[in-house]
């Protein structure tokens, strides 16, 4: 039995002044990944269900 897909939309407050991280491994370079840390309390559920 296939699992049903649930659409979820979120928003978050990001503090770019706290710094960002850029990994230079092959996978991250190919994806052009540049990350920033978001604290759990900065996330807001916009659509979907909370479990």
C-alpha atoms as a PDB file:
ATOM      1  CA  UNK A   1       0.000   0.000   0.000  1.00  0.00           C
ATOM      2  CA  UNK A   2       1.410   3.386  -1.001  1.00  0.00           C
ATOM      3  CA  UNK A   3       1.552   6.170   1.564  1.00  0.00           C
ATOM      4  CA  UNK A   4      -0.551   9.253   0.886  1.00  0.00           C
ATOM      5  CA  UNK A   5       1.379  12.448   0.227  1.00  0.00           C
ATOM      6  CA  UNK A   6       0.616  15.381   2.520  1.00  0.00           C
ATOM      7  CA  UNK A   7       1.399  18.888   1.297  1.00  0.00           C
ATOM      8  CA  UNK A   8       3.008  21.066   3.939  1.00  0.00           C
ATOM      9  CA  UNK A   9       3.994  24.719   3.691  1.00  0.00           C
ATOM     10  CA  UNK A  10       6.177  26.482   6.248  1.00  0.00           C
ATOM     11  CA  UNK A  11       7.687  29.900   6.847  1.00  0.00           C
ATOM     12  CA  UNK A  12      10.710  30.675   8.950  1.00  0.00           C
ATOM     13  CA  UNK A  13      12.590  33.672  10.274  1.00  0.00           C
ATOM     14  CA  UNK A  14      16.267  33.501   9.284  1.00  0.00           C
ATOM     15  CA  UNK A  15      19.058  35.592  10.774  1.00  0.00           C
ATOM     16  CA  UNK A  16      21.640  35.931   8.002  1.00  0.00           C
ATOM     17  CA  UNK A  17      23.687  38.286  10.173  1.00  0.00           C
ATOM     18  CA  UNK A  18      24.509  35.273  12.383  1.00  0.00           C
ATOM     19  CA  UNK A  19      26.433  33.824   9.436  1.00  0.00           C
ATOM     20  CA  UNK A  20      26.000  31.195   6.748  1.00  0.00           C
ATOM     21  CA  UNK A  21      27.893  28.058   5.813  1.00  0.00           C
ATOM     22  CA  UNK A  22      29.087  26.898   2.418  1.00  0.00           C
ATOM     23  CA  UNK A  23      30.280  23.317   2.067  1.00  0.00           C
ATOM     24  CA  UNK A  24      32.838  22.523  -0.621  1.00  0.00           C
ATOM     25  CA  UNK A  25      32.233  18.770  -1.003  1.00  0.00           C
ATOM     26  CA  UNK A  26      31.415  17.535  -4.515  1.00  0.00           C
ATOM     27  CA  UNK A  27      27.693  16.949  -3.808  1.00  0.00           C
ATOM     28  CA  UNK A  28      27.135  20.387  -2.246  1.00  0.00           C
ATOM     29  CA  UNK A  29      29.099  22.165  -4.979  1.00  0.00           C
ATOM     30  CA  UNK A  30      26.992  20.467  -7.669  1.00  0.00           C
ATOM     31  CA  UNK A  31      23.784  21.531  -5.866  1.00  0.00           C
ATOM     32  CA  UNK A  32      25.246  24.990  -5.123  1.00  0.00           C
ATOM     33  CA  UNK A  33      24.240  24.436  -1.498  1.00  0.00           C
ATOM     34  CA  UNK A  34      24.627  27.392   0.857  1.00  0.00           C
ATOM     35  CA  UNK A  35      23.050  26.920   4.271  1.00  0.00           C
ATOM     36  CA  UNK A  36      21.889  28.977   7.197  1.00  0.00           C
ATOM     37  CA  UNK A  37      20.850  27.670  10.610  1.00  0.00           C
ATOM     38  CA  UNK A  38      17.213  28.122  11.626  1.00  0.00           C
ATOM     39  CA  UNK A  39      16.107  27.553  15.203  1.00  0.00           C
ATOM     40  CA  UNK A  40      13.073  25.258  15.686  1.00  0.00           C
ATOM     41  CA  UNK A  41      10.936  28.029  17.214  1.00  0.00           C
ATOM     42  CA  UNK A  42      11.464  30.162  14.079  1.00  0.00           C
ATOM     43  CA  UNK A  43       9.281  27.826  11.966  1.00  0.00           C
ATOM     44  CA  UNK A  44       5.576  28.469  11.357  1.00  0.00           C
ATOM     45  CA  UNK A  45       3.187  25.940   9.790  1.00  0.00           C
ATOM     46  CA  UNK A  46       1.253  27.680   6.979  1.00  0.00           C
ATOM     47  CA  UNK A  47      -0.607  24.711   5.472  1.00  0.00           C
ATOM     48  CA  UNK A  48      -0.868  21.019   6.270  1.00  0.00           C
ATOM     49  CA  UNK A  49      -1.277  19.135   9.493  1.00  0.00           C
ATOM     50  CA  UNK A  50       0.723  19.134  12.695  1.00  0.00           C
ATOM     51  CA  UNK A  51       1.184  15.645  14.202  1.00  0.00           C
END
